[in-house]
Amino acid sequence: MNQMATIDDSVYGTKDAFVSVLTDRSINFDREAEFALQALYGNDYAMKIANSNRQSVINAVVNIAAIGISLNPAKKQAYLVPRDGKICLDISYMGLMDLAIDSGSIRWGQAELVYENDTFVMNGIDQQPTHRRDPFAKDRGEIVGVYVVVKTADGDYLTGAMSVDQVNEIRDRSAAWKAWISKQKSCPWLTDWGEMAKKTVVKREYKYWPKTERLATAIHHLNTEGDEGLAVLSGQVVGAAALPPPEDTEERRALYASLQDIATAGMEALSESWGRLTPQQRKMIGGAGLDALKAEAEKAGAEVVDVESSEAQA
């Protein structure tokens, strides 16, 4: 009973901080606190972690308000999960899509898996793809890829797709997958590969949608607190928050995380995005940061293009 009272106090004690950063007024603190406690009480391991690291519980609950997401199990937007000795707020691909719609970035969107017996044709990034499949088929074959298509407020369609190999390249660099390989510690990539694949393609393509702060905050949270964003620096894989000089700032971390996601699509995508940066933003990333991004793009196996040419035109 004392254990539960301690967790209750920690969760309900976040009310002032929760309200002060709330981005979506439809989110109710008392309901989210109840959802959080239900999630912790329903998982003995999560409760053990919560008691040993109560600050992580506080941080996770406050992040619900800052991002504007809900723990309501019926919505399947977000979850409290134990990870690396702390309780973390995890956001599903459905949560990301709901954030994109609610914040006005898009009007509509969906992510779907593609199987080898389906007929799938990309009709251009600004058109809906053609995806024909038999929903009643008992065997559609192996999964070969995943795509996301959205409709903007202006009525335009934006489409992006990734192959299984491209998705698994991202998976293989994640902390969760490395823990499975080294310690046989179960992770979402093992139990829910399809859902993680959908989240991966949404995270890659969202940067081409109309920008909103709430969606960008959610992606940044996943790339940092969620350990889903990785970079190659000096031959080592490190967390997204660890950047080479110059001086590290919150603004620089957010910009770097965005460029890092783009780099996973290859050098051409990185070059295009680098060319759109202001001189101040390029200076903020710095030469070491650009070299690390190039290494990430080259590792993705895309064609090598001269990113420096974009910089020279500034």
Protein backbone atom coordinates (compact mmCIF):
# COMPACT_ATOMS: atom_id res chain seq x y z
CA MET A 1 0.00 0.00 0.00
CA ASN A 2 2.86 2.39 0.83
CA GLN A 3 4.39 1.57 -2.55
CA MET A 4 1.21 2.51 -4.38
CA ALA A 5 0.77 5.66 -2.30
CA THR A 6 4.28 6.74 -3.24
CA ILE A 7 3.56 6.33 -6.95
CA ASP A 8 0.19 8.08 -6.54
CA ASP A 9 1.92 11.01 -4.88
CA SER A 10 4.52 11.19 -7.64
CA VAL A 11 1.94 11.18 -10.44
CA TYR A 12 -0.57 13.55 -8.87
CA GLY A 13 2.25 15.79 -7.71
CA THR A 14 2.97 16.70 -11.32
CA LYS A 15 -0.31 18.61 -11.74
CA ASP A 16 1.14 22.13 -11.63
CA ALA A 17 3.96 21.28 -14.05
CA PHE A 18 1.52 19.37 -16.28
CA VAL A 19 -0.88 22.32 -16.54
CA SER A 20 1.94 24.83 -17.10
CA VAL A 21 3.18 23.08 -20.29
CA LEU A 22 -0.15 21.77 -21.60
CA THR A 23 -0.38 22.23 -25.39
CA ASP A 24 -3.82 20.69 -25.97
CA ARG A 25 -6.59 21.94 -23.66
CA SER A 26 -8.73 18.88 -24.42
CA ILE A 27 -6.29 16.78 -22.39
CA ASN A 28 -7.39 16.43 -18.78
CA PHE A 29 -4.80 15.96 -16.04
CA ASP A 30 -6.94 13.78 -13.75
CA ARG A 31 -7.79 11.37 -16.57
CA GLU A 32 -4.18 11.11 -17.74
CA ALA A 33 -3.00 10.57 -14.16
CA GLU A 34 -5.50 7.73 -13.84
CA PHE A 35 -4.35 6.19 -17.12
CA ALA A 36 -0.72 6.45 -15.98
CA LEU A 37 -1.43 4.74 -12.67
CA GLN A 38 -3.44 2.00 -14.36
CA ALA A 39 -0.49 1.29 -16.66
CA LEU A 40 1.95 1.10 -13.75
CA TYR A 41 -0.28 -0.96 -11.47
CA GLY A 42 -0.91 -3.42 -14.30
CA ASN A 43 2.77 -4.23 -14.81
CA ASP A 44 4.85 -5.47 -11.87
CA TYR A 45 8.13 -4.78 -13.66
CA ALA A 46 7.06 -1.25 -14.58
CA MET A 47 6.02 -0.62 -10.97
CA LYS A 48 9.43 -1.81 -9.77
CA ILE A 49 11.20 0.58 -12.14
CA ALA A 50 8.83 3.42 -11.22
CA ASN A 51 9.62 3.02 -7.52
CA SER A 52 13.36 2.98 -8.14
CA ASN A 53 13.22 6.02 -10.46
CA ARG A 54 10.27 8.21 -9.52
CA GLN A 55 11.72 11.20 -11.37
CA SER A 56 11.34 9.33 -14.66
CA VAL A 57 7.64 8.85 -13.88
CA ILE A 58 7.28 12.58 -13.27
CA ASN A 59 9.09 13.40 -16.50
CA ALA A 60 6.96 10.99 -18.52
CA VAL A 61 3.68 12.39 -17.19
CA VAL A 62 4.76 15.99 -17.85
CA ASN A 63 5.80 15.01 -21.38
CA ILE A 64 2.21 13.92 -22.02
CA ALA A 65 1.13 17.54 -21.58
CA ALA A 66 4.09 19.07 -23.41
CA ILE A 67 3.54 16.91 -26.49
CA GLY A 68 -0.26 16.91 -26.32
CA ILE A 69 -0.82 13.16 -26.44
CA SER A 70 -3.03 10.82 -24.38
CA LEU A 71 -2.42 7.57 -22.51
CA ASN A 72 -6.05 6.57 -23.07
CA PRO A 73 -5.77 2.84 -23.98
CA ALA A 74 -8.69 3.15 -26.39
CA LYS A 75 -6.81 5.70 -28.52
CA LYS A 76 -3.56 3.70 -28.66
CA GLN A 77 -1.57 6.92 -29.02
CA ALA A 78 1.02 6.55 -26.29
CA TYR A 79 2.23 4.24 -23.52
CA LEU A 80 4.38 4.28 -20.40
CA VAL A 81 7.11 1.69 -20.84
CA PRO A 82 10.06 0.65 -18.67
CA ARG A 83 13.34 1.15 -20.51
CA ASP A 84 16.94 1.33 -19.30
CA GLY A 85 15.97 1.69 -15.65
CA LYS A 86 13.37 4.41 -16.16
CA ILE A 87 9.75 4.91 -17.16
CA CYS A 88 9.50 6.46 -20.63
CA LEU A 89 6.66 7.93 -22.66
CA ASP A 90 6.47 5.99 -25.92
CA ILE A 91 4.40 7.29 -28.85
CA SER A 92 2.87 4.94 -31.42
CA TYR A 93 2.62 5.64 -35.13
CA MET A 94 -1.10 6.19 -34.58
CA GLY A 95 -0.21 8.82 -31.99
CA LEU A 96 2.08 10.58 -34.45
CA MET A 97 -0.63 10.57 -37.12
CA ASP A 98 -3.22 11.89 -34.66
CA LEU A 99 -0.81 14.67 -33.65
CA ALA A 100 -0.26 15.58 -37.29
CA ILE A 101 -4.01 15.85 -37.87
CA ASP A 102 -4.88 17.59 -34.60
CA SER A 103 -2.10 20.16 -34.99
CA GLY A 104 -3.18 21.01 -38.55
CA SER A 105 -0.16 19.58 -40.35
CA ILE A 106 -2.32 17.24 -42.42
CA ARG A 107 -6.02 16.62 -43.03
CA TRP A 108 -5.81 12.84 -43.31
CA GLY A 109 -3.23 10.07 -43.43
CA GLN A 110 -2.51 6.38 -43.14
CA ALA A 111 0.45 4.02 -43.04
CA GLU A 112 0.21 0.51 -44.48
CA LEU A 113 2.40 -2.56 -44.87
CA VAL A 114 2.94 -4.02 -48.36
CA TYR A 115 3.16 -7.78 -48.91
CA GLU A 116 4.82 -9.61 -51.79
CA ASN A 117 1.50 -10.78 -53.27
CA ASP A 118 0.05 -7.25 -53.26
CA THR A 119 0.22 -4.89 -56.22
CA PHE A 120 1.92 -1.67 -55.15
CA VAL A 121 2.93 1.22 -57.41
CA MET A 122 4.32 4.60 -56.39
CA ASN A 123 2.76 7.27 -58.63
CA GLY A 124 5.05 10.05 -57.46
CA ILE A 125 5.54 11.64 -54.05
CA ASP A 126 2.70 14.09 -54.76
CA GLN A 127 0.16 11.42 -55.70
CA GLN A 128 -1.63 8.61 -53.89
CA PRO A 129 0.05 5.25 -54.51
CA THR A 130 -1.78 2.33 -56.09
CA HIS A 131 -2.13 -0.47 -53.56
CA ARG A 132 -4.30 -3.42 -54.56
CA ARG A 133 -4.59 -6.43 -52.27
CA ASP A 134 -7.04 -9.14 -51.34
CA PRO A 135 -8.12 -8.37 -47.75
CA PHE A 136 -9.50 -11.92 -47.40
CA ALA A 137 -6.38 -13.73 -48.62
CA LYS A 138 -5.04 -16.27 -46.15
CA ASP A 139 -1.49 -15.75 -47.38
CA ARG A 140 -0.35 -12.43 -48.86
CA GLY A 141 3.27 -13.51 -48.72
CA GLU A 142 6.15 -11.87 -46.86
CA ILE A 143 6.20 -8.19 -45.96
CA VAL A 144 8.28 -6.30 -48.53
CA GLY A 145 7.81 -2.69 -47.43
CA VAL A 146 5.75 0.02 -45.80
CA TYR A 147 4.38 3.37 -46.96
CA VAL A 148 2.57 6.42 -45.62
CA VAL A 149 0.28 8.71 -47.58
CA VAL A 150 -1.22 11.95 -46.25
CA LYS A 151 -3.48 14.70 -47.53
CA THR A 152 -2.55 18.27 -46.62
CA ALA A 153 -4.93 21.08 -45.75
CA ASP A 154 -4.46 22.36 -49.32
CA GLY A 155 -5.66 19.05 -50.74
CA ASP A 156 -2.23 17.84 -51.88
CA TYR A 157 -1.12 14.23 -51.39
CA LEU A 158 2.33 13.36 -50.06
CA THR A 159 3.60 9.78 -50.20
CA GLY A 160 6.73 8.04 -48.96
CA ALA A 161 7.76 4.38 -48.91
CA MET A 162 10.53 2.26 -47.40
CA SER A 163 11.60 -1.31 -48.16
CA VAL A 164 12.00 -3.91 -45.42
CA ASP A 165 15.79 -3.57 -45.75
CA GLN A 166 15.60 0.20 -45.25
CA VAL A 167 13.41 -0.22 -42.19
CA ASN A 168 15.70 -2.86 -40.73
CA GLU A 169 18.72 -0.61 -41.20
CA ILE A 170 17.02 1.82 -38.83
CA ARG A 171 15.99 -1.02 -36.51
CA ASP A 172 19.52 -2.41 -36.34
CA ARG A 173 20.87 0.93 -35.07
CA SER A 174 18.26 1.30 -32.32
CA ALA A 175 19.10 0.78 -28.66
CA ALA A 176 16.15 -1.58 -28.22
CA TRP A 177 17.26 -3.92 -31.00
CA LYS A 178 20.86 -3.92 -29.79
CA ALA A 179 19.58 -4.94 -26.34
CA TRP A 180 17.73 -7.86 -27.94
CA ILE A 181 20.82 -8.97 -29.85
CA SER A 182 23.17 -8.72 -26.87
CA LYS A 183 20.89 -9.67 -23.96
CA GLN A 184 17.87 -11.32 -25.60
CA LYS A 185 15.78 -8.54 -24.03
CA SER A 186 12.37 -8.39 -25.71
CA CYS A 187 11.55 -5.18 -27.57
CA PRO A 188 8.81 -3.75 -29.85
CA TRP A 189 10.89 -4.53 -32.94
CA LEU A 190 10.57 -8.20 -32.01
CA THR A 191 6.92 -8.26 -30.91
CA ASP A 192 5.41 -5.54 -33.15
CA TRP A 193 7.64 -5.15 -36.20
CA GLY A 194 4.78 -3.89 -38.38
CA GLU A 195 3.82 -1.09 -35.99
CA MET A 196 7.45 -0.04 -35.63
CA ALA A 197 7.88 -0.06 -39.42
CA LYS A 198 4.89 2.26 -39.77
CA LYS A 199 6.32 4.59 -37.14
CA THR A 200 9.68 4.56 -38.92
CA VAL A 201 8.24 5.65 -42.27
CA VAL A 202 6.09 8.33 -40.59
CA LYS A 203 9.15 9.69 -38.77
CA ARG A 204 11.11 9.86 -42.02
CA GLU A 205 8.36 11.47 -44.10
CA TYR A 206 6.87 13.94 -41.58
CA LYS A 207 9.61 16.47 -42.34
CA TYR A 208 8.08 16.97 -45.81
CA TRP A 209 4.65 17.78 -44.34
CA PRO A 210 3.57 21.29 -43.26
CA LYS A 211 5.47 22.01 -40.04
CA THR A 212 3.83 22.13 -36.60
CA GLU A 213 5.56 22.48 -33.26
CA ARG A 214 3.65 19.67 -31.53
CA LEU A 215 4.58 17.07 -34.14
CA ALA A 216 8.21 18.21 -34.20
CA THR A 217 8.33 18.00 -30.40
CA ALA A 218 6.98 14.44 -30.47
CA ILE A 219 9.54 13.31 -33.06
CA HIS A 220 12.36 14.98 -31.14
CA HIS A 221 11.19 13.23 -27.97
CA LEU A 222 11.32 9.83 -29.71
CA ASN A 223 14.76 10.57 -31.14
CA THR A 224 16.21 11.59 -27.76
CA GLU A 225 14.29 10.31 -24.73
CA GLY A 226 13.09 7.30 -26.72
CA ASP A 227 16.57 6.47 -28.07
CA GLU A 228 15.16 6.09 -31.59
CA GLY A 229 17.49 8.60 -33.24
CA LEU A 230 21.11 7.56 -33.74
CA ALA A 231 24.17 9.07 -35.34
CA VAL A 232 27.59 7.81 -36.42
CA LEU A 233 30.32 9.96 -34.90
CA SER A 234 34.01 9.09 -35.12
CA GLY A 235 33.11 5.54 -36.09
CA GLN A 236 30.86 5.01 -33.06
CA VAL A 237 27.09 4.90 -32.74
CA VAL A 238 25.87 7.35 -30.12
CA GLY A 239 22.60 8.86 -28.97
CA ALA A 240 21.09 11.71 -30.95
CA ALA A 241 21.62 14.16 -28.08
CA ALA A 242 25.42 13.66 -28.25
CA LEU A 243 26.72 16.07 -30.86
CA PRO A 244 30.21 17.10 -31.92
CA PRO A 245 31.33 20.72 -31.39
CA PRO A 246 30.41 23.61 -31.69
CA GLU A 247 28.50 24.43 -28.52
CA ASP A 248 25.56 22.11 -27.88
CA THR A 249 22.15 23.77 -27.47
CA GLU A 250 18.53 22.59 -27.48
CA GLU A 251 17.98 24.29 -30.86
CA ARG A 252 21.02 22.57 -32.33
CA ARG A 253 19.95 19.17 -31.00
CA ALA A 254 16.52 19.56 -32.57
CA LEU A 255 17.98 20.64 -35.93
CA TYR A 256 20.56 17.86 -35.88
CA ALA A 257 17.94 15.21 -35.04
CA SER A 258 15.87 16.34 -38.02
CA LEU A 259 18.86 16.22 -40.39
CA GLN A 260 19.87 12.87 -38.95
CA ASP A 261 16.49 11.37 -39.85
CA ILE A 262 16.85 12.76 -43.37
CA ALA A 263 20.33 11.25 -43.69
CA THR A 264 18.86 7.77 -43.32
CA ALA A 265 17.19 8.32 -46.71
CA GLY A 266 20.60 8.79 -48.36
CA MET A 267 23.03 11.44 -49.50
CA GLU A 268 20.70 12.97 -52.08
CA ALA A 269 18.02 13.69 -49.48
CA LEU A 270 20.62 15.11 -47.10
CA SER A 271 22.06 17.34 -49.81
CA GLU A 272 18.63 18.74 -50.66
CA SER A 273 17.82 19.50 -47.03
CA TRP A 274 21.27 20.98 -46.35
CA GLY A 275 20.76 23.33 -49.28
CA ARG A 276 17.60 24.72 -47.66
CA LEU A 277 19.35 25.63 -44.40
CA THR A 278 20.31 29.21 -43.62
CA PRO A 279 24.02 30.06 -43.21
CA GLN A 280 23.39 30.42 -39.47
CA GLN A 281 21.90 26.93 -39.28
CA ARG A 282 24.84 25.42 -41.18
CA LYS A 283 27.25 27.16 -38.84
CA MET A 284 25.25 25.80 -35.90
CA ILE A 285 25.73 22.21 -37.14
CA GLY A 286 29.38 22.78 -37.97
CA GLY A 287 31.84 20.83 -40.07
CA ALA A 288 32.10 17.89 -37.66
CA GLY A 289 28.33 17.61 -37.52
CA LEU A 290 28.07 17.64 -41.32
CA ASP A 291 30.76 14.96 -41.59
CA ALA A 292 28.80 12.78 -39.18
CA LEU A 293 25.62 13.28 -41.18
CA LYS A 294 27.45 12.38 -44.39
CA ALA A 295 28.70 9.19 -42.77
CA GLU A 296 25.14 8.31 -41.78
CA ALA A 297 23.89 8.97 -45.33
CA GLU A 298 26.67 6.90 -46.87
CA LYS A 299 25.90 4.07 -44.48
CA ALA A 300 22.31 4.10 -45.75
CA GLY A 301 23.69 2.95 -49.10
CA ALA A 302 22.39 5.82 -51.24
CA GLU A 303 24.22 7.55 -54.08
CA VAL A 304 26.94 9.94 -52.96
CA VAL A 305 26.40 13.55 -54.00
CA ASP A 306 28.34 16.65 -53.19
CA VAL A 307 26.66 18.19 -50.16
CA GLU A 308 29.34 20.86 -50.06
CA SER A 309 28.04 22.33 -53.34
CA SER A 310 24.88 23.41 -51.56
CA GLU A 311 26.93 25.00 -48.81
CA ALA A 312 29.06 26.91 -51.31
CA GLN A 313 26.00 28.56 -52.82
CA ALA A 314 24.98 30.15 -49.50
